[in-house]
Amino acid sequence: MNSADPRVKENLDELSRALAETADPALIEAFLRCLLTPAETADIAGRWALVKALKAGTPQRKIAKNLGVSLCKITRGSRELKKPDSAFQRMVNTD
């Protein structure tokens, strides 16, 4: 499936609802580990760590060094955090 396929939105909507209805963090983690490859799991965990580090005010170069991610990826995360009504901002504030 490519990103323009309408089934992407349909399936992401369904997945989002399923996750939102599940109040069991252990089940969600187990589900994500089943759904994703180990590399995808590590990538998502790294992106979450990146967002938290940005929110904490850690300099971008330090984040890049600590997490082994590109400045481009960090810049993208930074831009997302700065957007009004940012989903990144709302999610990191629930942590």
PDB file of N, CA and C in Angstrom:
ATOM      1  N   MET A   1       0.852  -1.167   0.000  1.00  0.00           N
ATOM      2  CA  MET A   1       0.000   0.000   0.000  1.00  0.00           C
ATOM      3  C   MET A   1       0.903   1.237   0.000  1.00  0.00           C
ATOM      4  N   ASN A   2       0.565   2.221  -0.814  1.00  0.00           N
ATOM      5  CA  ASN A   2       1.335   3.471  -0.773  1.00  0.00           C
ATOM      6  C   ASN A   2       0.527   4.538  -0.033  1.00  0.00           C
ATOM      7  N   SER A   3       1.164   5.627   0.312  1.00  0.00           N
ATOM      8  CA  SER A   3       0.528   6.640   1.167  1.00  0.00           C
ATOM      9  C   SER A   3      -0.694   7.296   0.532  1.00  0.00           C
ATOM     10  N   ALA A   4      -0.818   7.248  -0.787  1.00  0.00           N
ATOM     11  CA  ALA A   4      -1.978   7.845  -1.459  1.00  0.00           C
ATOM     12  C   ALA A   4      -3.187   6.906  -1.495  1.00  0.00           C
ATOM     13  N   ASP A   5      -2.994   5.674  -1.148  1.00  0.00           N
ATOM     14  CA  ASP A   5      -4.079   4.687  -1.162  1.00  0.00           C
ATOM     15  C   ASP A   5      -5.103   5.054  -0.088  1.00  0.00           C
ATOM     16  N   PRO A   6      -6.391   5.180  -0.430  1.00  0.00           N
ATOM     17  CA  PRO A   6      -7.405   5.542   0.573  1.00  0.00           C
ATOM     18  C   PRO A   6      -7.517   4.519   1.705  1.00  0.00           C
ATOM     19  N   ARG A   7      -7.056   3.312   1.470  1.00  0.00           N
ATOM     20  CA  ARG A   7      -7.103   2.300   2.533  1.00  0.00           C
ATOM     21  C   ARG A   7      -6.136   2.633   3.665  1.00  0.00           C
ATOM     22  N   VAL A   8      -5.121   3.464   3.377  1.00  0.00           N
ATOM     23  CA  VAL A   8      -4.189   3.868   4.433  1.00  0.00           C
ATOM     24  C   VAL A   8      -4.952   4.625   5.510  1.00  0.00           C
ATOM     25  N   LYS A   9      -5.707   5.641   5.113  1.00  0.00           N
ATOM     26  CA  LYS A   9      -6.479   6.414   6.097  1.00  0.00           C
ATOM     27  C   LYS A   9      -7.487   5.530   6.814  1.00  0.00           C
ATOM     28  N   GLU A  10      -8.185   4.715   6.053  1.00  0.00           N
ATOM     29  CA  GLU A  10      -9.196   3.826   6.636  1.00  0.00           C
ATOM     30  C   GLU A  10      -8.586   2.923   7.712  1.00  0.00           C
ATOM     31  N   ASN A  11      -7.447   2.329   7.405  1.00  0.00           N
ATOM     32  CA  ASN A  11      -6.816   1.420   8.353  1.00  0.00           C
ATOM     33  C   ASN A  11      -6.160   2.141   9.521  1.00  0.00           C
ATOM     34  N   LEU A  12      -5.581   3.319   9.274  1.00  0.00           N
ATOM     35  CA  LEU A  12      -5.024   4.100  10.383  1.00  0.00           C
ATOM     36  C   LEU A  12      -6.127   4.564  11.330  1.00  0.00           C
ATOM     37  N   ASP A  13      -7.267   4.962  10.768  1.00  0.00           N
ATOM     38  CA  ASP A  13      -8.409   5.348  11.610  1.00  0.00           C
ATOM     39  C   ASP A  13      -8.836   4.182  12.498  1.00  0.00           C
ATOM     40  N   GLU A  14      -8.957   3.005  11.890  1.00  0.00           N
ATOM     41  CA  GLU A  14      -9.371   1.819  12.643  1.00  0.00           C
ATOM     42  C   GLU A  14      -8.343   1.453  13.715  1.00  0.00           C
ATOM     43  N   LEU A  15      -7.079   1.476  13.358  1.00  0.00           N
ATOM     44  CA  LEU A  15      -6.013   1.173  14.311  1.00  0.00           C
ATOM     45  C   LEU A  15      -5.992   2.188  15.455  1.00  0.00           C
ATOM     46  N   SER A  16      -6.159   3.458  15.122  1.00  0.00           N
ATOM     47  CA  SER A  16      -6.175   4.511  16.146  1.00  0.00           C
ATOM     48  C   SER A  16      -7.312   4.303  17.131  1.00  0.00           C
ATOM     49  N   ARG A  17      -8.474   3.968  16.620  1.00  0.00           N
ATOM     50  CA  ARG A  17      -9.624   3.716  17.504  1.00  0.00           C
ATOM     51  C   ARG A  17      -9.350   2.515  18.409  1.00  0.00           C
ATOM     52  N   ALA A  18      -8.792   1.450  17.843  1.00  0.00           N
ATOM     53  CA  ALA A  18      -8.501   0.253  18.640  1.00  0.00           C
ATOM     54  C   ALA A  18      -7.512   0.578  19.761  1.00  0.00           C
ATOM     55  N   LEU A  19      -6.465   1.336  19.439  1.00  0.00           N
ATOM     56  CA  LEU A  19      -5.481   1.706  20.463  1.00  0.00           C
ATOM     57  C   LEU A  19      -6.094   2.628  21.518  1.00  0.00           C
ATOM     58  N   ALA A  20      -6.929   3.566  21.072  1.00  0.00           N
ATOM     59  CA  ALA A  20      -7.546   4.508  22.011  1.00  0.00           C
ATOM     60  C   ALA A  20      -8.501   3.800  22.971  1.00  0.00           C
ATOM     61  N   GLU A  21      -9.102   2.731  22.527  1.00  0.00           N
ATOM     62  CA  GLU A  21     -10.055   1.996  23.364  1.00  0.00           C
ATOM     63  C   GLU A  21      -9.376   1.016  24.310  1.00  0.00           C
ATOM     64  N   THR A  22      -8.089   0.802  24.138  1.00  0.00           N
ATOM     65  CA  THR A  22      -7.350  -0.152  24.954  1.00  0.00           C
ATOM     66  C   THR A  22      -6.643   0.586  26.074  1.00  0.00           C
ATOM     67  N   ALA A  23      -6.992   0.264  27.295  1.00  0.00           N
ATOM     68  CA  ALA A  23      -6.402   0.934  28.452  1.00  0.00           C
ATOM     69  C   ALA A  23      -5.259   0.132  29.060  1.00  0.00           C
ATOM     70  N   ASP A  24      -4.782  -0.886  28.359  1.00  0.00           N
ATOM     71  CA  ASP A  24      -3.759  -1.770  28.893  1.00  0.00           C
ATOM     72  C   ASP A  24      -2.422  -1.526  28.177  1.00  0.00           C
ATOM     73  N   PRO A  25      -1.526  -0.747  28.789  1.00  0.00           N
ATOM     74  CA  PRO A  25      -0.238  -0.451  28.143  1.00  0.00           C
ATOM     75  C   PRO A  25       0.554  -1.707  27.764  1.00  0.00           C
ATOM     76  N   ALA A  26       0.504  -2.753  28.591  1.00  0.00           N
ATOM     77  CA  ALA A  26       1.246  -3.980  28.277  1.00  0.00           C
ATOM     78  C   ALA A  26       0.693  -4.632  27.009  1.00  0.00           C
ATOM     79  N   LEU A  27      -0.614  -4.612  26.843  1.00  0.00           N
ATOM     80  CA  LEU A  27      -1.230  -5.166  25.642  1.00  0.00           C
ATOM     81  C   LEU A  27      -0.839  -4.355  24.416  1.00  0.00           C
ATOM     82  N   ILE A  28      -0.834  -3.023  24.550  1.00  0.00           N
ATOM     83  CA  ILE A  28      -0.457  -2.164  23.425  1.00  0.00           C
ATOM     84  C   ILE A  28       1.004  -2.427  23.035  1.00  0.00           C
ATOM     85  N   GLU A  29       1.881  -2.523  24.024  1.00  0.00           N
ATOM     86  CA  GLU A  29       3.288  -2.796  23.713  1.00  0.00           C
ATOM     87  C   GLU A  29       3.439  -4.153  23.020  1.00  0.00           C
ATOM     88  N   ALA A  30       2.770  -5.171  23.543  1.00  0.00           N
ATOM     89  CA  ALA A  30       2.853  -6.499  22.928  1.00  0.00           C
ATOM     90  C   ALA A  30       2.306  -6.465  21.500  1.00  0.00           C
ATOM     91  N   PHE A  31       1.208  -5.751  21.303  1.00  0.00           N
ATOM     92  CA  PHE A  31       0.621  -5.616  19.969  1.00  0.00           C
ATOM     93  C   PHE A  31       1.598  -4.939  19.011  1.00  0.00           C
ATOM     94  N   LEU A  32       2.216  -3.834  19.451  1.00  0.00           N
ATOM     95  CA  LEU A  32       3.173  -3.129  18.595  1.00  0.00           C
ATOM     96  C   LEU A  32       4.361  -4.015  18.252  1.00  0.00           C
ATOM     97  N   ARG A  33       4.830  -4.801  19.219  1.00  0.00           N
ATOM     98  CA  ARG A  33       5.958  -5.694  18.956  1.00  0.00           C
ATOM     99  C   ARG A  33       5.572  -6.809  17.975  1.00  0.00           C
ATOM    100  N   CYS A  34       4.291  -7.209  17.984  1.00  0.00           N
ATOM    101  CA  CYS A  34       3.813  -8.204  17.001  1.00  0.00           C
ATOM    102  C   CYS A  34       3.635  -7.569  15.622  1.00  0.00           C
ATOM    103  N   LEU A  35       3.127  -6.362  15.602  1.00  0.00           N
ATOM    104  CA  LEU A  35       2.805  -5.677  14.351  1.00  0.00           C
ATOM    105  C   LEU A  35       4.052  -5.213  13.602  1.00  0.00           C
ATOM    106  N   LEU A  36       5.038  -4.729  14.343  1.00  0.00           N
ATOM    107  CA  LEU A  36       6.218  -4.106  13.744  1.00  0.00           C
ATOM    108  C   LEU A  36       7.431  -5.032  13.799  1.00  0.00           C
ATOM    109  N   THR A  37       8.332  -4.832  12.857  1.00  0.00           N
ATOM    110  CA  THR A  37       9.601  -5.550  12.914  1.00  0.00           C
ATOM    111  C   THR A  37      10.435  -4.970  14.057  1.00  0.00           C
ATOM    112  N   PRO A  38      11.461  -5.682  14.507  1.00  0.00           N
ATOM    113  CA  PRO A  38      12.327  -5.109  15.546  1.00  0.00           C
ATOM    114  C   PRO A  38      12.927  -3.758  15.129  1.00  0.00           C
ATOM    115  N   ALA A  39      13.290  -3.610  13.862  1.00  0.00           N
ATOM    116  CA  ALA A  39      13.852  -2.333  13.390  1.00  0.00           C
ATOM    117  C   ALA A  39      12.797  -1.226  13.433  1.00  0.00           C
ATOM    118  N   GLU A  40      11.558  -1.537  13.046  1.00  0.00           N
ATOM    119  CA  GLU A  40      10.488  -0.541  13.100  1.00  0.00           C
ATOM    120  C   GLU A  40      10.169  -0.164  14.537  1.00  0.00           C
ATOM    121  N   THR A  41      10.195  -1.145  15.429  1.00  0.00           N
ATOM    122  CA  THR A  41       9.951  -0.884  16.851  1.00  0.00           C
ATOM    123  C   THR A  41      11.022   0.056  17.406  1.00  0.00           C
ATOM    124  N   ALA A  42      12.270  -0.220  17.083  1.00  0.00           N
ATOM    125  CA  ALA A  42      13.368   0.636  17.542  1.00  0.00           C
ATOM    126  C   ALA A  42      13.256   2.036  16.954  1.00  0.00           C
ATOM    127  N   ASP A  43      12.843   2.133  15.688  1.00  0.00           N
ATOM    128  CA  ASP A  43      12.698   3.437  15.044  1.00  0.00           C
ATOM    129  C   ASP A  43      11.607   4.263  15.725  1.00  0.00           C
ATOM    130  N   ILE A  44      10.479   3.645  16.008  1.00  0.00           N
ATOM    131  CA  ILE A  44       9.387   4.373  16.667  1.00  0.00           C
ATOM    132  C   ILE A  44       9.796   4.784  18.083  1.00  0.00           C
ATOM    133  N   ALA A  45      10.453   3.885  18.801  1.00  0.00           N
ATOM    134  CA  ALA A  45      10.919   4.222  20.154  1.00  0.00           C
ATOM    135  C   ALA A  45      11.911   5.383  20.102  1.00  0.00           C
ATOM    136  N   GLY A  46      12.784   5.378  19.093  1.00  0.00           N
ATOM    137  CA  GLY A  46      13.740   6.471  18.926  1.00  0.00           C
ATOM    138  C   GLY A  46      13.072   7.785  18.607  1.00  0.00           C
ATOM    139  N   ARG A  47      12.036   7.731  17.786  1.00  0.00           N
ATOM    140  CA  ARG A  47      11.311   8.965  17.451  1.00  0.00           C
ATOM    141  C   ARG A  47      10.613   9.536  18.688  1.00  0.00           C
ATOM    142  N   TRP A  48      10.069   8.642  19.522  1.00  0.00           N
ATOM    143  CA  TRP A  48       9.420   9.103  20.753  1.00  0.00           C
ATOM    144  C   TRP A  48      10.457   9.731  21.685  1.00  0.00           C
ATOM    145  N   ALA A  49      11.630   9.104  21.788  1.00  0.00           N
ATOM    146  CA  ALA A  49      12.707   9.666  22.612  1.00  0.00           C
ATOM    147  C   ALA A  49      13.133  11.029  22.083  1.00  0.00           C
ATOM    148  N   LEU A  50      13.168  11.165  20.766  1.00  0.00           N
ATOM    149  CA  LEU A  50      13.529  12.433  20.126  1.00  0.00           C
ATOM    150  C   LEU A  50      12.531  13.529  20.502  1.00  0.00           C
ATOM    151  N   VAL A  51      11.238  13.228  20.414  1.00  0.00           N
ATOM    152  CA  VAL A  51      10.203  14.214  20.739  1.00  0.00           C
ATOM    153  C   VAL A  51      10.308  14.623  22.207  1.00  0.00           C
ATOM    154  N   LYS A  52      10.517  13.651  23.088  1.00  0.00           N
ATOM    155  CA  LYS A  52      10.648  13.970  24.511  1.00  0.00           C
ATOM    156  C   LYS A  52      11.878  14.835  24.773  1.00  0.00           C
ATOM    157  N   ALA A  53      12.979  14.534  24.098  1.00  0.00           N
ATOM    158  CA  ALA A  53      14.200  15.325  24.276  1.00  0.00           C
ATOM    159  C   ALA A  53      14.002  16.757  23.780  1.00  0.00           C
ATOM    160  N   LEU A  54      13.330  16.899  22.634  1.00  0.00           N
ATOM    161  CA  LEU A  54      13.037  18.245  22.124  1.00  0.00           C
ATOM    162  C   LEU A  54      12.170  19.016  23.115  1.00  0.00           C
ATOM    163  N   LYS A  55      11.149  18.349  23.623  1.00  0.00           N
ATOM    164  CA  LYS A  55      10.233  18.980  24.576  1.00  0.00           C
ATOM    165  C   LYS A  55      10.974  19.421  25.838  1.00  0.00           C
ATOM    166  N   ALA A  56      11.981  18.645  26.230  1.00  0.00           N
ATOM    167  CA  ALA A  56      12.773  18.969  27.425  1.00  0.00           C
ATOM    168  C   ALA A  56      13.793  20.073  27.167  1.00  0.00           C
ATOM    169  N   GLY A  57      13.919  20.499  25.902  1.00  0.00           N
ATOM    170  CA  GLY A  57      14.839  21.577  25.574  1.00  0.00           C
ATOM    171  C   GLY A  57      16.263  21.130  25.273  1.00  0.00           C
ATOM    172  N   THR A  58      16.469  19.851  25.059  1.00  0.00           N
ATOM    173  CA  THR A  58      17.805  19.343  24.730  1.00  0.00           C
ATOM    174  C   THR A  58      18.233  19.883  23.367  1.00  0.00           C
ATOM    175  N   PRO A  59      19.454  20.387  23.240  1.00  0.00           N
ATOM    176  CA  PRO A  59      19.922  20.892  21.948  1.00  0.00           C
ATOM    177  C   PRO A  59      19.899  19.788  20.883  1.00  0.00           C
ATOM    178  N   GLN A  60      19.580  20.189  19.647  1.00  0.00           N
ATOM    179  CA  GLN A  60      19.426  19.230  18.559  1.00  0.00           C
ATOM    180  C   GLN A  60      20.690  18.408  18.320  1.00  0.00           C
ATOM    181  N   ARG A  61      21.846  19.026  18.365  1.00  0.00           N
ATOM    182  CA  ARG A  61      23.098  18.279  18.126  1.00  0.00           C
ATOM    183  C   ARG A  61      23.336  17.233  19.222  1.00  0.00           C
ATOM    184  N   LYS A  62      22.960  17.550  20.452  1.00  0.00           N
ATOM    185  CA  LYS A  62      23.103  16.585  21.538  1.00  0.00           C
ATOM    186  C   LYS A  62      22.132  15.421  21.334  1.00  0.00           C
ATOM    187  N   ILE A  63      20.912  15.717  20.884  1.00  0.00           N
ATOM    188  CA  ILE A  63      19.948  14.656  20.590  1.00  0.00           C
ATOM    189  C   ILE A  63      20.489  13.752  19.491  1.00  0.00           C
ATOM    190  N   ALA A  64      21.029  14.364  18.445  1.00  0.00           N
ATOM    191  CA  ALA A  64      21.585  13.590  17.323  1.00  0.00           C
ATOM    192  C   ALA A  64      22.675  12.643  17.820  1.00  0.00           C
ATOM    193  N   LYS A  65      23.545  13.146  18.675  1.00  0.00           N
ATOM    194  CA  LYS A  65      24.643  12.331  19.197  1.00  0.00           C
ATOM    195  C   LYS A  65      24.120  11.222  20.114  1.00  0.00           C
ATOM    196  N   ASN A  66      23.217  11.579  21.021  1.00  0.00           N
ATOM    197  CA  ASN A  66      22.704  10.609  21.999  1.00  0.00           C
ATOM    198  C   ASN A  66      21.860   9.512  21.367  1.00  0.00           C
ATOM    199  N   LEU A  67      21.056   9.871  20.364  1.00  0.00           N
ATOM    200  CA  LEU A  67      20.124   8.904  19.774  1.00  0.00           C
ATOM    201  C   LEU A  67      20.589   8.338  18.442  1.00  0.00           C
ATOM    202  N   GLY A  68      21.644   8.920  17.887  1.00  0.00           N
ATOM    203  CA  GLY A  68      22.140   8.440  16.598  1.00  0.00           C
ATOM    204  C   GLY A  68      21.173   8.696  15.459  1.00  0.00           C
ATOM    205  N   VAL A  69      20.508   9.856  15.502  1.00  0.00           N
ATOM    206  CA  VAL A  69      19.568  10.214  14.437  1.00  0.00           C
ATOM    207  C   VAL A  69      20.071  11.454  13.703  1.00  0.00           C
ATOM    208  N   SER A  70      19.547  11.637  12.495  1.00  0.00           N
ATOM    209  CA  SER A  70      19.985  12.769  11.682  1.00  0.00           C
ATOM    210  C   SER A  70      19.380  14.079  12.180  1.00  0.00           C
ATOM    211  N   LEU A  71      20.086  15.163  11.919  1.00  0.00           N
ATOM    212  CA  LEU A  71      19.554  16.488  12.250  1.00  0.00           C
ATOM    213  C   LEU A  71      18.283  16.766  11.468  1.00  0.00           C
ATOM    214  N   CYS A  72      18.174  16.205  10.267  1.00  0.00           N
ATOM    215  CA  CYS A  72      16.972  16.381   9.448  1.00  0.00           C
ATOM    216  C   CYS A  72      15.746  15.810  10.166  1.00  0.00           C
ATOM    217  N   LYS A  73      15.886  14.637  10.733  1.00  0.00           N
ATOM    218  CA  LYS A  73      14.776  13.999  11.458  1.00  0.00           C
ATOM    219  C   LYS A  73      14.423  14.827  12.700  1.00  0.00           C
ATOM    220  N   ILE A  74      15.441  15.353  13.360  1.00  0.00           N
ATOM    221  CA  ILE A  74      15.213  16.163  14.553  1.00  0.00           C
ATOM    222  C   ILE A  74      14.525  17.468  14.178  1.00  0.00           C
ATOM    223  N   THR A  75      14.941  18.082  13.086  1.00  0.00           N
ATOM    224  CA  THR A  75      14.325  19.325  12.623  1.00  0.00           C
ATOM    225  C   THR A  75      12.850  19.102  12.310  1.00  0.00           C
ATOM    226  N   ARG A  76      12.550  17.978  11.682  1.00  0.00           N
ATOM    227  CA  ARG A  76      11.150  17.656  11.376  1.00  0.00           C
ATOM    228  C   ARG A  76      10.346  17.555  12.673  1.00  0.00           C
ATOM    229  N   GLY A  77      10.894  16.863  13.671  1.00  0.00           N
ATOM    230  CA  GLY A  77      10.215  16.745  14.959  1.00  0.00           C
ATOM    231  C   GLY A  77      10.034  18.091  15.622  1.00  0.00           C
ATOM    232  N   SER A  78      11.040  18.929  15.532  1.00  0.00           N
ATOM    233  CA  SER A  78      10.975  20.266  16.118  1.00  0.00           C
ATOM    234  C   SER A  78       9.871  21.102  15.467  1.00  0.00           C
ATOM    235  N   ARG A  79       9.801  21.019  14.128  1.00  0.00           N
ATOM    236  CA  ARG A  79       8.741  21.748  13.408  1.00  0.00           C
ATOM    237  C   ARG A  79       7.355  21.260  13.828  1.00  0.00           C
ATOM    238  N   GLU A  80       7.221  19.935  13.973  1.00  0.00           N
ATOM    239  CA  GLU A  80       5.925  19.377  14.377  1.00  0.00           C
ATOM    240  C   GLU A  80       5.522  19.852  15.767  1.00  0.00           C
ATOM    241  N   LEU A  81       6.486  19.924  16.690  1.00  0.00           N
ATOM    242  CA  LEU A  81       6.183  20.390  18.045  1.00  0.00           C
ATOM    243  C   LEU A  81       5.741  21.848  18.074  1.00  0.00           C
ATOM    244  N   LYS A  82       6.226  22.652  17.125  1.00  0.00           N
ATOM    245  CA  LYS A  82       5.924  24.078  17.107  1.00  0.00           C
ATOM    246  C   LYS A  82       4.590  24.410  16.441  1.00  0.00           C
ATOM    247  N   LYS A  83       4.004  23.458  15.741  1.00  0.00           N
ATOM    248  CA  LYS A  83       2.735  23.721  15.052  1.00  0.00           C
ATOM    249  C   LYS A  83       1.621  23.955  16.068  1.00  0.00           C
ATOM    250  N   PRO A  84       0.714  24.890  15.749  1.00  0.00           N
ATOM    251  CA  PRO A  84      -0.437  25.077  16.634  1.00  0.00           C
ATOM    252  C   PRO A  84      -1.255  23.779  16.667  1.00  0.00           C
ATOM    253  N   ASP A  85      -1.728  23.414  17.823  1.00  0.00           N
ATOM    254  CA  ASP A  85      -2.525  22.206  18.006  1.00  0.00           C
ATOM    255  C   ASP A  85      -1.775  20.958  17.532  1.00  0.00           C
ATOM    256  N   SER A  86      -0.468  20.928  17.774  1.00  0.00           N
ATOM    257  CA  SER A  86       0.397  19.839  17.353  1.00  0.00           C
ATOM    258  C   SER A  86       0.042  18.531  18.057  1.00  0.00           C
ATOM    259  N   ALA A  87      -0.122  17.470  17.282  1.00  0.00           N
ATOM    260  CA  ALA A  87      -0.363  16.149  17.865  1.00  0.00           C
ATOM    261  C   ALA A  87       0.845  15.719  18.694  1.00  0.00           C
ATOM    262  N   PHE A  88       2.053  16.059  18.231  1.00  0.00           N
ATOM    263  CA  PHE A  88       3.259  15.746  19.011  1.00  0.00           C
ATOM    264  C   PHE A  88       3.161  16.411  20.386  1.00  0.00           C
ATOM    265  N   GLN A  89       2.829  17.686  20.387  1.00  0.00           N
ATOM    266  CA  GLN A  89       2.740  18.452  21.632  1.00  0.00           C
ATOM    267  C   GLN A  89       1.708  17.828  22.577  1.00  0.00           C
ATOM    268  N   ARG A  90       0.550  17.494  22.041  1.00  0.00           N
ATOM    269  CA  ARG A  90      -0.514  16.926  22.877  1.00  0.00           C
ATOM    270  C   ARG A  90      -0.115  15.565  23.429  1.00  0.00           C
ATOM    271  N   MET A  91       0.550  14.731  22.624  1.00  0.00           N
ATOM    272  CA  MET A  91       0.923  13.399  23.091  1.00  0.00           C
ATOM    273  C   MET A  91       2.056  13.456  24.111  1.00  0.00           C
ATOM    274  N   VAL A  92       3.038  14.304  23.894  1.00  0.00           N
ATOM    275  CA  VAL A  92       4.162  14.373  24.827  1.00  0.00           C
ATOM    276  C   VAL A  92       3.695  14.973  26.153  1.00  0.00           C
ATOM    277  N   ASN A  93       2.658  15.779  26.132  1.00  0.00           N
ATOM    278  CA  ASN A  93       2.118  16.351  27.367  1.00  0.00           C
ATOM    279  C   ASN A  93       1.310  15.338  28.176  1.00  0.00           C
ATOM    280  N   THR A  94       0.920  14.205  27.567  1.00  0.00           N
ATOM    281  CA  THR A  94       0.180  13.188  28.307  1.00  0.00           C
ATOM    282  C   THR A  94       1.131  12.238  29.023  1.00  0.00           C
ATOM    283  N   ASP A  95       2.419  12.302  28.673  1.00  0.00           N
ATOM    284  CA  ASP A  95       3.417  11.392  29.247  1.00  0.00           C
ATOM    285  C   ASP A  95       3.721  11.789  30.667  1.00  0.00           C
TER     286      ASP A  95
END
